[in-house]
Amino acid sequence: MKSANLLKEIVYNDQKPAITVLFETATTKEIRIVFKKDQHMKKHQTAFPITVEMVDGELDFGVEDTVHSLVKGDILSLDGDVPHDLAAKSDAIVRLTLSKSDTIQRVKDVIDS
């Protein structure tokens, strides 16, 4: 068994969203991304499906030039190879589920660029 708490030990980064790897399973990587209001992740994509859960806050989730307003409790899945971007409308906590085949470094590279 593996466990983590999405609401404990939260650290906001003043310059860019903060990433914490919560744990890995046999099939997924569970990540927390913490945004301060007005932080964003530029348009990017991955070859693998993802699942995004809004733990707290609000953000705009752009998919193929359509913006979806997500709020606490919303969850969505996205197929691989679909361009998307994120912009925090308030401080926000996001749970991101990646395929085991995807890499944490790819997510960090999107935030760092």
PDB file of N, CA and C in Angstrom:
ATOM      1  N   MET A   1       0.830  -1.184   0.000  1.00  0.00           N
ATOM      2  CA  MET A   1       0.000   0.000   0.000  1.00  0.00           C
ATOM      3  C   MET A   1       0.872   1.245   0.000  1.00  0.00           C
ATOM      4  N   LYS A   2       0.427   2.255  -0.718  1.00  0.00           N
ATOM      5  CA  LYS A   2       1.094   3.558  -0.732  1.00  0.00           C
ATOM      6  C   LYS A   2       0.041   4.602  -0.407  1.00  0.00           C
ATOM      7  N   SER A   3       0.452   5.653   0.277  1.00  0.00           N
ATOM      8  CA  SER A   3      -0.505   6.713   0.577  1.00  0.00           C
ATOM      9  C   SER A   3       0.203   8.055   0.624  1.00  0.00           C
ATOM     10  N   ALA A   4      -0.581   9.110   0.465  1.00  0.00           N
ATOM     11  CA  ALA A   4      -0.068  10.482   0.527  1.00  0.00           C
ATOM     12  C   ALA A   4      -1.241  11.371   0.902  1.00  0.00           C
ATOM     13  N   ASN A   5      -0.929  12.601   1.311  1.00  0.00           N
ATOM     14  CA  ASN A   5      -1.970  13.563   1.621  1.00  0.00           C
ATOM     15  C   ASN A   5      -1.779  14.776   0.724  1.00  0.00           C
ATOM     16  N   LEU A   6      -2.784  15.077  -0.062  1.00  0.00           N
ATOM     17  CA  LEU A   6      -2.703  16.188  -1.009  1.00  0.00           C
ATOM     18  C   LEU A   6      -2.661  17.552  -0.339  1.00  0.00           C
ATOM     19  N   LEU A   7      -3.069  17.627   0.937  1.00  0.00           N
ATOM     20  CA  LEU A   7      -3.200  18.916   1.605  1.00  0.00           C
ATOM     21  C   LEU A   7      -2.141  19.168   2.673  1.00  0.00           C
ATOM     22  N   LYS A   8      -1.220  18.254   2.858  1.00  0.00           N
ATOM     23  CA  LYS A   8      -0.161  18.438   3.856  1.00  0.00           C
ATOM     24  C   LYS A   8       1.145  18.841   3.183  1.00  0.00           C
ATOM     25  N   GLU A   9       1.930  19.614   3.913  1.00  0.00           N
ATOM     26  CA  GLU A   9       3.273  20.021   3.478  1.00  0.00           C
ATOM     27  C   GLU A   9       3.246  20.734   2.123  1.00  0.00           C
ATOM     28  N   ILE A  10       2.267  21.606   1.947  1.00  0.00           N
ATOM     29  CA  ILE A  10       2.147  22.358   0.698  1.00  0.00           C
ATOM     30  C   ILE A  10       3.107  23.544   0.733  1.00  0.00           C
ATOM     31  N   VAL A  11       3.895  23.671  -0.319  1.00  0.00           N
ATOM     32  CA  VAL A  11       4.834  24.781  -0.447  1.00  0.00           C
ATOM     33  C   VAL A  11       4.562  25.466  -1.782  1.00  0.00           C
ATOM     34  N   TYR A  12       4.222  26.754  -1.716  1.00  0.00           N
ATOM     35  CA  TYR A  12       4.008  27.533  -2.933  1.00  0.00           C
ATOM     36  C   TYR A  12       5.331  28.136  -3.375  1.00  0.00           C
ATOM     37  N   ASN A  13       5.579  28.124  -4.657  1.00  0.00           N
ATOM     38  CA  ASN A  13       6.769  28.725  -5.236  1.00  0.00           C
ATOM     39  C   ASN A  13       6.358  30.086  -5.802  1.00  0.00           C
ATOM     40  N   ASP A  14       7.096  31.124  -5.482  1.00  0.00           N
ATOM     41  CA  ASP A  14       6.728  32.460  -5.948  1.00  0.00           C
ATOM     42  C   ASP A  14       6.879  32.640  -7.449  1.00  0.00           C
ATOM     43  N   GLN A  15       7.792  31.912  -8.073  1.00  0.00           N
ATOM     44  CA  GLN A  15       8.103  32.138  -9.476  1.00  0.00           C
ATOM     45  C   GLN A  15       7.339  31.248 -10.459  1.00  0.00           C
ATOM     46  N   LYS A  16       7.028  30.022 -10.037  1.00  0.00           N
ATOM     47  CA  LYS A  16       6.405  29.058 -10.951  1.00  0.00           C
ATOM     48  C   LYS A  16       5.669  27.998 -10.133  1.00  0.00           C
ATOM     49  N   PRO A  17       4.797  27.228 -10.766  1.00  0.00           N
ATOM     50  CA  PRO A  17       4.101  26.165 -10.036  1.00  0.00           C
ATOM     51  C   PRO A  17       5.092  25.195  -9.391  1.00  0.00           C
ATOM     52  N   ALA A  18       4.702  24.657  -8.236  1.00  0.00           N
ATOM     53  CA  ALA A  18       5.553  23.720  -7.497  1.00  0.00           C
ATOM     54  C   ALA A  18       5.039  22.295  -7.691  1.00  0.00           C
ATOM     55  N   ILE A  19       5.959  21.380  -7.978  1.00  0.00           N
ATOM     56  CA  ILE A  19       5.613  19.979  -8.225  1.00  0.00           C
ATOM     57  C   ILE A  19       6.115  19.112  -7.078  1.00  0.00           C
ATOM     58  N   THR A  20       5.253  18.213  -6.619  1.00  0.00           N
ATOM     59  CA  THR A  20       5.637  17.207  -5.636  1.00  0.00           C
ATOM     60  C   THR A  20       5.202  15.851  -6.159  1.00  0.00           C
ATOM     61  N   VAL A  21       6.124  14.899  -6.205  1.00  0.00           N
ATOM     62  CA  VAL A  21       5.764  13.532  -6.561  1.00  0.00           C
ATOM     63  C   VAL A  21       5.211  12.890  -5.292  1.00  0.00           C
ATOM     64  N   LEU A  22       3.961  12.460  -5.347  1.00  0.00           N
ATOM     65  CA  LEU A  22       3.330  11.851  -4.178  1.00  0.00           C
ATOM     66  C   LEU A  22       3.722  10.392  -4.038  1.00  0.00           C
ATOM     67  N   PHE A  23       3.598   9.638  -5.122  1.00  0.00           N
ATOM     68  CA  PHE A  23       4.070   8.250  -5.163  1.00  0.00           C
ATOM     69  C   PHE A  23       3.878   7.690  -6.564  1.00  0.00           C
ATOM     70  N   GLU A  24       4.475   6.533  -6.783  1.00  0.00           N
ATOM     71  CA  GLU A  24       4.312   5.799  -8.042  1.00  0.00           C
ATOM     72  C   GLU A  24       3.690   4.447  -7.745  1.00  0.00           C
ATOM     73  N   THR A  25       2.842   3.990  -8.662  1.00  0.00           N
ATOM     74  CA  THR A  25       2.264   2.655  -8.567  1.00  0.00           C
ATOM     75  C   THR A  25       2.805   1.826  -9.733  1.00  0.00           C
ATOM     76  N   ALA A  26       2.283   0.660  -9.899  1.00  0.00           N
ATOM     77  CA  ALA A  26       2.716  -0.191 -11.010  1.00  0.00           C
ATOM     78  C   ALA A  26       2.319   0.397 -12.363  1.00  0.00           C
ATOM     79  N   THR A  27       1.295   1.275 -12.378  1.00  0.00           N
ATOM     80  CA  THR A  27       0.804   1.794 -13.650  1.00  0.00           C
ATOM     81  C   THR A  27       0.790   3.316 -13.754  1.00  0.00           C
ATOM     82  N   THR A  28       0.916   4.041 -12.624  1.00  0.00           N
ATOM     83  CA  THR A  28       0.796   5.499 -12.655  1.00  0.00           C
ATOM     84  C   THR A  28       1.857   6.192 -11.808  1.00  0.00           C
ATOM     85  N   LYS A  29       1.943   7.499 -12.037  1.00  0.00           N
ATOM     86  CA  LYS A  29       2.722   8.401 -11.190  1.00  0.00           C
ATOM     87  C   LYS A  29       1.737   9.457 -10.708  1.00  0.00           C
ATOM     88  N   GLU A  30       1.646   9.653  -9.410  1.00  0.00           N
ATOM     89  CA  GLU A  30       0.716  10.614  -8.815  1.00  0.00           C
ATOM     90  C   GLU A  30       1.499  11.849  -8.390  1.00  0.00           C
ATOM     91  N   ILE A  31       1.078  13.011  -8.892  1.00  0.00           N
ATOM     92  CA  ILE A  31       1.827  14.253  -8.693  1.00  0.00           C
ATOM     93  C   ILE A  31       0.874  15.328  -8.186  1.00  0.00           C
ATOM     94  N   ARG A  32       1.388  16.185  -7.305  1.00  0.00           N
ATOM     95  CA  ARG A  32       0.639  17.378  -6.885  1.00  0.00           C
ATOM     96  C   ARG A  32       1.323  18.584  -7.513  1.00  0.00           C
ATOM     97  N   ILE A  33       0.529  19.451  -8.150  1.00  0.00           N
ATOM     98  CA  ILE A  33       1.039  20.709  -8.685  1.00  0.00           C
ATOM     99  C   ILE A  33       0.313  21.827  -7.943  1.00  0.00           C
ATOM    100  N   VAL A  34       1.093  22.729  -7.348  1.00  0.00           N
ATOM    101  CA  VAL A  34       0.543  23.825  -6.566  1.00  0.00           C
ATOM    102  C   VAL A  34       0.815  25.128  -7.320  1.00  0.00           C
ATOM    103  N   PHE A  35      -0.253  25.846  -7.606  1.00  0.00           N
ATOM    104  CA  PHE A  35      -0.172  27.108  -8.338  1.00  0.00           C
ATOM    105  C   PHE A  35      -0.505  28.266  -7.405  1.00  0.00           C
ATOM    106  N   LYS A  36       0.224  29.353  -7.519  1.00  0.00           N
ATOM    107  CA  LYS A  36      -0.217  30.615  -6.952  1.00  0.00           C
ATOM    108  C   LYS A  36      -1.063  31.291  -8.024  1.00  0.00           C
ATOM    109  N   LYS A  37      -1.957  32.181  -7.598  1.00  0.00           N
ATOM    110  CA  LYS A  37      -2.800  32.891  -8.544  1.00  0.00           C
ATOM    111  C   LYS A  37      -1.939  33.502  -9.659  1.00  0.00           C
ATOM    112  N   ASP A  38      -2.386  33.380 -10.884  1.00  0.00           N
ATOM    113  CA  ASP A  38      -1.764  33.913 -12.095  1.00  0.00           C
ATOM    114  C   ASP A  38      -0.570  33.113 -12.609  1.00  0.00           C
ATOM    115  N   GLN A  39      -0.172  32.049 -11.931  1.00  0.00           N
ATOM    116  CA  GLN A  39       0.870  31.183 -12.493  1.00  0.00           C
ATOM    117  C   GLN A  39       0.240  30.314 -13.573  1.00  0.00           C
ATOM    118  N   HIS A  40       1.064  29.827 -14.488  1.00  0.00           N
ATOM    119  CA  HIS A  40       0.536  29.042 -15.599  1.00  0.00           C
ATOM    120  C   HIS A  40       1.534  27.991 -16.057  1.00  0.00           C
ATOM    121  N   MET A  41       1.026  27.079 -16.855  1.00  0.00           N
ATOM    122  CA  MET A  41       1.843  26.119 -17.594  1.00  0.00           C
ATOM    123  C   MET A  41       1.505  26.337 -19.062  1.00  0.00           C
ATOM    124  N   LYS A  42       2.526  26.614 -19.861  1.00  0.00           N
ATOM    125  CA  LYS A  42       2.306  26.898 -21.279  1.00  0.00           C
ATOM    126  C   LYS A  42       1.748  25.669 -22.002  1.00  0.00           C
ATOM    127  N   LYS A  43       1.300  25.868 -23.215  1.00  0.00           N
ATOM    128  CA  LYS A  43       0.733  24.783 -24.011  1.00  0.00           C
ATOM    129  C   LYS A  43       1.766  23.675 -24.186  1.00  0.00           C
ATOM    130  N   HIS A  44       1.340  22.455 -23.927  1.00  0.00           N
ATOM    131  CA  HIS A  44       2.213  21.288 -24.013  1.00  0.00           C
ATOM    132  C   HIS A  44       1.340  20.060 -24.250  1.00  0.00           C
ATOM    133  N   GLN A  45       1.986  18.939 -24.444  1.00  0.00           N
ATOM    134  CA  GLN A  45       1.263  17.681 -24.606  1.00  0.00           C
ATOM    135  C   GLN A  45       2.176  16.533 -24.239  1.00  0.00           C
ATOM    136  N   THR A  46       1.582  15.390 -24.033  1.00  0.00           N
ATOM    137  CA  THR A  46       2.320  14.169 -23.757  1.00  0.00           C
ATOM    138  C   THR A  46       1.763  13.065 -24.641  1.00  0.00           C
ATOM    139  N   ALA A  47       2.558  12.075 -24.887  1.00  0.00           N
ATOM    140  CA  ALA A  47       2.116  10.961 -25.729  1.00  0.00           C
ATOM    141  C   ALA A  47       1.131  10.049 -24.990  1.00  0.00           C
ATOM    142  N   PHE A  48       0.985  10.262 -23.673  1.00  0.00           N
ATOM    143  CA  PHE A  48       0.202   9.353 -22.846  1.00  0.00           C
ATOM    144  C   PHE A  48      -1.038  10.047 -22.273  1.00  0.00           C
ATOM    145  N   PRO A  49      -2.073   9.285 -21.944  1.00  0.00           N
ATOM    146  CA  PRO A  49      -3.253   9.878 -21.301  1.00  0.00           C
ATOM    147  C   PRO A  49      -2.892  10.431 -19.913  1.00  0.00           C
ATOM    148  N   ILE A  50      -3.637  11.448 -19.472  1.00  0.00           N
ATOM    149  CA  ILE A  50      -3.472  12.005 -18.134  1.00  0.00           C
ATOM    150  C   ILE A  50      -4.850  12.163 -17.489  1.00  0.00           C
ATOM    151  N   THR A  51      -4.849  12.275 -16.165  1.00  0.00           N
ATOM    152  CA  THR A  51      -6.048  12.626 -15.413  1.00  0.00           C
ATOM    153  C   THR A  51      -5.690  13.806 -14.527  1.00  0.00           C
ATOM    154  N   VAL A  52      -6.562  14.807 -14.491  1.00  0.00           N
ATOM    155  CA  VAL A  52      -6.356  16.018 -13.699  1.00  0.00           C
ATOM    156  C   VAL A  52      -7.530  16.154 -12.731  1.00  0.00           C
ATOM    157  N   GLU A  53      -7.216  16.336 -11.448  1.00  0.00           N
ATOM    158  CA  GLU A  53      -8.235  16.552 -10.427  1.00  0.00           C
ATOM    159  C   GLU A  53      -7.963  17.875  -9.732  1.00  0.00           C
ATOM    160  N   MET A  54      -8.977  18.723  -9.660  1.00  0.00           N
ATOM    161  CA  MET A  54      -8.867  19.989  -8.936  1.00  0.00           C
ATOM    162  C   MET A  54      -9.141  19.716  -7.462  1.00  0.00           C
ATOM    163  N   VAL A  55      -8.098  19.805  -6.658  1.00  0.00           N
ATOM    164  CA  VAL A  55      -8.215  19.574  -5.222  1.00  0.00           C
ATOM    165  C   VAL A  55      -8.708  20.841  -4.532  1.00  0.00           C
ATOM    166  N   ASP A  56      -8.232  21.995  -5.003  1.00  0.00           N
ATOM    167  CA  ASP A  56      -8.639  23.272  -4.428  1.00  0.00           C
ATOM    168  C   ASP A  56      -8.390  24.383  -5.440  1.00  0.00           C
ATOM    169  N   GLY A  57      -9.158  25.453  -5.340  1.00  0.00           N
ATOM    170  CA  GLY A  57      -8.943  26.624  -6.185  1.00  0.00           C
ATOM    171  C   GLY A  57      -9.663  26.550  -7.519  1.00  0.00           C
ATOM    172  N   GLU A  58      -9.241  27.465  -8.412  1.00  0.00           N
ATOM    173  CA  GLU A  58      -9.821  27.567  -9.752  1.00  0.00           C
ATOM    174  C   GLU A  58      -8.707  27.744 -10.770  1.00  0.00           C
ATOM    175  N   LEU A  59      -8.873  27.124 -11.911  1.00  0.00           N
ATOM    176  CA  LEU A  59      -7.943  27.394 -13.007  1.00  0.00           C
ATOM    177  C   LEU A  59      -8.628  27.218 -14.336  1.00  0.00           C
ATOM    178  N   ASP A  60      -8.052  27.867 -15.336  1.00  0.00           N
ATOM    179  CA  ASP A  60      -8.508  27.710 -16.711  1.00  0.00           C
ATOM    180  C   ASP A  60      -7.655  26.621 -17.350  1.00  0.00           C
ATOM    181  N   PHE A  61      -8.321  25.637 -17.936  1.00  0.00           N
ATOM    182  CA  PHE A  61      -7.656  24.512 -18.587  1.00  0.00           C
ATOM    183  C   PHE A  61      -7.976  24.613 -20.067  1.00  0.00           C
ATOM    184  N   GLY A  62      -6.978  24.995 -20.856  1.00  0.00           N
ATOM    185  CA  GLY A  62      -7.172  25.154 -22.288  1.00  0.00           C
ATOM    186  C   GLY A  62      -6.913  23.860 -23.020  1.00  0.00           C
ATOM    187  N   VAL A  63      -7.871  23.459 -23.858  1.00  0.00           N
ATOM    188  CA  VAL A  63      -7.731  22.244 -24.666  1.00  0.00           C
ATOM    189  C   VAL A  63      -8.150  22.593 -26.086  1.00  0.00           C
ATOM    190  N   GLU A  64      -7.199  22.472 -27.010  1.00  0.00           N
ATOM    191  CA  GLU A  64      -7.482  22.719 -28.418  1.00  0.00           C
ATOM    192  C   GLU A  64      -8.253  24.031 -28.609  1.00  0.00           C
ATOM    193  N   ASP A  65      -7.731  25.093 -28.036  1.00  0.00           N
ATOM    194  CA  ASP A  65      -8.263  26.450 -28.179  1.00  0.00           C
ATOM    195  C   ASP A  65      -9.630  26.680 -27.524  1.00  0.00           C
ATOM    196  N   THR A  66     -10.053  25.782 -26.646  1.00  0.00           N
ATOM    197  CA  THR A  66     -11.249  25.990 -25.837  1.00  0.00           C
ATOM    198  C   THR A  66     -10.816  26.006 -24.378  1.00  0.00           C
ATOM    199  N   VAL A  67     -11.264  27.026 -23.631  1.00  0.00           N
ATOM    200  CA  VAL A  67     -10.897  27.148 -22.221  1.00  0.00           C
ATOM    201  C   VAL A  67     -12.024  26.592 -21.356  1.00  0.00           C
ATOM    202  N   HIS A  68     -11.656  25.679 -20.458  1.00  0.00           N
ATOM    203  CA  HIS A  68     -12.590  25.074 -19.516  1.00  0.00           C
ATOM    204  C   HIS A  68     -12.254  25.611 -18.133  1.00  0.00           C
ATOM    205  N   SER A  69     -13.224  26.191 -17.451  1.00  0.00           N
ATOM    206  CA  SER A  69     -13.003  26.694 -16.093  1.00  0.00           C
ATOM    207  C   SER A  69     -13.196  25.540 -15.119  1.00  0.00           C
ATOM    208  N   LEU A  70     -12.127  25.188 -14.426  1.00  0.00           N
ATOM    209  CA  LEU A  70     -12.178  24.092 -13.461  1.00  0.00           C
ATOM    210  C   LEU A  70     -12.187  24.651 -12.046  1.00  0.00           C
ATOM    211  N   VAL A  71     -12.966  24.024 -11.169  1.00  0.00           N
ATOM    212  CA  VAL A  71     -13.057  24.420  -9.768  1.00  0.00           C
ATOM    213  C   VAL A  71     -12.870  23.191  -8.890  1.00  0.00           C
ATOM    214  N   LYS A  72     -12.699  23.451  -7.612  1.00  0.00           N
ATOM    215  CA  LYS A  72     -12.515  22.386  -6.623  1.00  0.00           C
ATOM    216  C   LYS A  72     -13.517  21.257  -6.860  1.00  0.00           C
ATOM    217  N   GLY A  73     -12.995  20.034  -6.950  1.00  0.00           N
ATOM    218  CA  GLY A  73     -13.839  18.862  -7.151  1.00  0.00           C
ATOM    219  C   GLY A  73     -13.926  18.380  -8.581  1.00  0.00           C
ATOM    220  N   ASP A  74     -13.580  19.232  -9.555  1.00  0.00           N
ATOM    221  CA  ASP A  74     -13.632  18.808 -10.956  1.00  0.00           C
ATOM    222  C   ASP A  74     -12.511  17.807 -11.245  1.00  0.00           C
ATOM    223  N   ILE A  75     -12.805  16.885 -12.121  1.00  0.00           N
ATOM    224  CA  ILE A  75     -11.821  15.898 -12.565  1.00  0.00           C
ATOM    225  C   ILE A  75     -12.026  15.683 -14.055  1.00  0.00           C
ATOM    226  N   LEU A  76     -10.916  15.534 -14.773  1.00  0.00           N
ATOM    227  CA  LEU A  76     -11.013  15.298 -16.206  1.00  0.00           C
ATOM    228  C   LEU A  76      -9.898  14.374 -16.656  1.00  0.00           C
ATOM    229  N   SER A  77     -10.128  13.743 -17.779  1.00  0.00           N
ATOM    230  CA  SER A  77      -9.083  12.929 -18.392  1.00  0.00           C
ATOM    231  C   SER A  77      -8.826  13.469 -19.785  1.00  0.00           C
ATOM    232  N   LEU A  78      -7.620  13.261 -20.233  1.00  0.00           N
ATOM    233  CA  LEU A  78      -7.217  13.756 -21.540  1.00  0.00           C
ATOM    234  C   LEU A  78      -6.406  12.670 -22.228  1.00  0.00           C
ATOM    235  N   ASP A  79      -6.737  12.389 -23.464  1.00  0.00           N
ATOM    236  CA  ASP A  79      -5.970  11.412 -24.229  1.00  0.00           C
ATOM    237  C   ASP A  79      -4.582  11.956 -24.511  1.00  0.00           C
ATOM    238  N   GLY A  80      -3.679  11.086 -24.890  1.00  0.00           N
ATOM    239  CA  GLY A  80      -2.349  11.503 -25.276  1.00  0.00           C
ATOM    240  C   GLY A  80      -2.375  12.348 -26.542  1.00  0.00           C
ATOM    241  N   ASP A  81      -1.321  13.122 -26.728  1.00  0.00           N
ATOM    242  CA  ASP A  81      -1.129  13.953 -27.918  1.00  0.00           C
ATOM    243  C   ASP A  81      -2.172  15.056 -28.087  1.00  0.00           C
ATOM    244  N   VAL A  82      -2.775  15.516 -26.980  1.00  0.00           N
ATOM    245  CA  VAL A  82      -3.732  16.614 -27.024  1.00  0.00           C
ATOM    246  C   VAL A  82      -3.089  17.838 -26.369  1.00  0.00           C
ATOM    247  N   PRO A  83      -2.839  18.908 -27.133  1.00  0.00           N
ATOM    248  CA  PRO A  83      -2.238  20.112 -26.555  1.00  0.00           C
ATOM    249  C   PRO A  83      -3.168  20.734 -25.505  1.00  0.00           C
ATOM    250  N   HIS A  84      -2.563  21.181 -24.402  1.00  0.00           N
ATOM    251  CA  HIS A  84      -3.338  21.805 -23.331  1.00  0.00           C
ATOM    252  C   HIS A  84      -2.450  22.771 -22.551  1.00  0.00           C
ATOM    253  N   ASP A  85      -3.092  23.715 -21.867  1.00  0.00           N
ATOM    254  CA  ASP A  85      -2.376  24.674 -21.028  1.00  0.00           C
ATOM    255  C   ASP A  85      -3.218  24.947 -19.789  1.00  0.00           C
ATOM    256  N   LEU A  86      -2.576  25.488 -18.750  1.00  0.00           N
ATOM    257  CA  LEU A  86      -3.252  25.760 -17.489  1.00  0.00           C
ATOM    258  C   LEU A  86      -2.898  27.157 -17.015  1.00  0.00           C
ATOM    259  N   ALA A  87      -3.879  27.855 -16.445  1.00  0.00           N
ATOM    260  CA  ALA A  87      -3.667  29.189 -15.879  1.00  0.00           C
ATOM    261  C   ALA A  87      -4.482  29.296 -14.596  1.00  0.00           C
ATOM    262  N   ALA A  88      -3.815  29.578 -13.486  1.00  0.00           N
ATOM    263  CA  ALA A  88      -4.483  29.639 -12.185  1.00  0.00           C
ATOM    264  C   ALA A  88      -5.236  30.949 -12.013  1.00  0.00           C
ATOM    265  N   LYS A  89      -6.530  30.850 -11.733  1.00  0.00           N
ATOM    266  CA  LYS A  89      -7.356  32.027 -11.458  1.00  0.00           C
ATOM    267  C   LYS A  89      -7.323  32.385  -9.971  1.00  0.00           C
ATOM    268  N   SER A  90      -6.863  31.437  -9.147  1.00  0.00           N
ATOM    269  CA  SER A  90      -6.673  31.628  -7.712  1.00  0.00           C
ATOM    270  C   SER A  90      -5.552  30.685  -7.305  1.00  0.00           C
ATOM    271  N   ASP A  91      -5.112  30.748  -6.065  1.00  0.00           N
ATOM    272  CA  ASP A  91      -4.208  29.702  -5.605  1.00  0.00           C
ATOM    273  C   ASP A  91      -4.925  28.377  -5.841  1.00  0.00           C
ATOM    274  N   ALA A  92      -4.195  27.372  -6.314  1.00  0.00           N
ATOM    275  CA  ALA A  92      -4.843  26.117  -6.696  1.00  0.00           C
ATOM    276  C   ALA A  92      -3.944  24.925  -6.414  1.00  0.00           C
ATOM    277  N   ILE A  93      -4.584  23.804  -6.116  1.00  0.00           N
ATOM    278  CA  ILE A  93      -3.891  22.533  -5.924  1.00  0.00           C
ATOM    279  C   ILE A  93      -4.479  21.541  -6.920  1.00  0.00           C
ATOM    280  N   VAL A  94      -3.605  20.922  -7.706  1.00  0.00           N
ATOM    281  CA  VAL A  94      -4.015  19.992  -8.751  1.00  0.00           C
ATOM    282  C   VAL A  94      -3.339  18.647  -8.516  1.00  0.00           C
ATOM    283  N   ARG A  95      -4.111  17.602  -8.641  1.00  0.00           N
ATOM    284  CA  ARG A  95      -3.545  16.247  -8.643  1.00  0.00           C
ATOM    285  C   ARG A  95      -3.466  15.808 -10.099  1.00  0.00           C
ATOM    286  N   LEU A  96      -2.281  15.419 -10.519  1.00  0.00           N
ATOM    287  CA  LEU A  96      -2.044  14.957 -11.885  1.00  0.00           C
ATOM    288  C   LEU A  96      -1.657  13.492 -11.846  1.00  0.00           C
ATOM    289  N   THR A  97      -2.360  12.680 -12.600  1.00  0.00           N
ATOM    290  CA  THR A  97      -2.025  11.271 -12.728  1.00  0.00           C
ATOM    291  C   THR A  97      -1.419  11.052 -14.102  1.00  0.00           C
ATOM    292  N   LEU A  98      -0.172  10.595 -14.090  1.00  0.00           N
ATOM    293  CA  LEU A  98       0.552  10.294 -15.327  1.00  0.00           C
ATOM    294  C   LEU A  98       0.639   8.794 -15.533  1.00  0.00           C
ATOM    295  N   SER A  99       0.785   8.389 -16.767  1.00  0.00           N
ATOM    296  CA  SER A  99       1.113   7.006 -17.090  1.00  0.00           C
ATOM    297  C   SER A  99       2.497   6.681 -16.536  1.00  0.00           C
ATOM    298  N   LYS A 100       2.696   5.478 -16.137  1.00  0.00           N
ATOM    299  CA  LYS A 100       4.017   5.034 -15.669  1.00  0.00           C
ATOM    300  C   LYS A 100       5.070   5.263 -16.751  1.00  0.00           C
ATOM    301  N   SER A 101       4.670   5.238 -18.009  1.00  0.00           N
ATOM    302  CA  SER A 101       5.608   5.429 -19.120  1.00  0.00           C
ATOM    303  C   SER A 101       6.019   6.887 -19.311  1.00  0.00           C
ATOM    304  N   ASP A 102       5.259   7.815 -18.731  1.00  0.00           N
ATOM    305  CA  ASP A 102       5.569   9.238 -18.834  1.00  0.00           C
ATOM    306  C   ASP A 102       6.656   9.575 -17.800  1.00  0.00           C
ATOM    307  N   THR A 103       7.216  10.789 -17.895  1.00  0.00           N
ATOM    308  CA  THR A 103       8.285  11.155 -16.968  1.00  0.00           C
ATOM    309  C   THR A 103       7.937  12.416 -16.177  1.00  0.00           C
ATOM    310  N   ILE A 104       8.386  12.445 -14.954  1.00  0.00           N
ATOM    311  CA  ILE A 104       8.245  13.626 -14.105  1.00  0.00           C
ATOM    312  C   ILE A 104       9.061  14.771 -14.714  1.00  0.00           C
ATOM    313  N   GLN A 105      10.210  14.450 -15.280  1.00  0.00           N
ATOM    314  CA  GLN A 105      11.075  15.478 -15.860  1.00  0.00           C
ATOM    315  C   GLN A 105      10.365  16.238 -16.971  1.00  0.00           C
ATOM    316  N   ARG A 106       9.530  15.561 -17.742  1.00  0.00           N
ATOM    317  CA  ARG A 106       8.791  16.240 -18.803  1.00  0.00           C
ATOM    318  C   ARG A 106       7.906  17.338 -18.207  1.00  0.00           C
ATOM    319  N   VAL A 107       7.244  17.033 -17.106  1.00  0.00           N
ATOM    320  CA  VAL A 107       6.375  18.018 -16.454  1.00  0.00           C
ATOM    321  C   VAL A 107       7.220  19.180 -15.914  1.00  0.00           C
ATOM    322  N   LYS A 108       8.339  18.852 -15.295  1.00  0.00           N
ATOM    323  CA  LYS A 108       9.231  19.898 -14.782  1.00  0.00           C
ATOM    324  C   LYS A 108       9.742  20.789 -15.909  1.00  0.00           C
ATOM    325  N   ASP A 109      10.041  20.196 -17.046  1.00  0.00           N
ATOM    326  CA  ASP A 109      10.522  20.973 -18.192  1.00  0.00           C
ATOM    327  C   ASP A 109       9.472  21.958 -18.697  1.00  0.00           C
ATOM    328  N   VAL A 110       8.200  21.557 -18.673  1.00  0.00           N
ATOM    329  CA  VAL A 110       7.131  22.467 -19.084  1.00  0.00           C
ATOM    330  C   VAL A 110       7.066  23.649 -18.134  1.00  0.00           C
ATOM    331  N   ILE A 111       7.172  23.400 -16.851  1.00  0.00           N
ATOM    332  CA  ILE A 111       7.119  24.480 -15.870  1.00  0.00           C
ATOM    333  C   ILE A 111       8.349  25.373 -15.955  1.00  0.00           C
ATOM    334  N   ASP A 112       9.494  24.795 -16.218  1.00  0.00           N
ATOM    335  CA  ASP A 112      10.743  25.574 -16.256  1.00  0.00           C
ATOM    336  C   ASP A 112      10.912  26.398 -17.516  1.00  0.00           C
ATOM    337  N   SER A 113      10.158  26.069 -18.570  1.00  0.00           N
ATOM    338  CA  SER A 113      10.370  26.792 -19.834  1.00  0.00           C
ATOM    339  C   SER A 113       9.504  28.029 -19.953  1.00  0.00           C
TER     340      SER A 113
END
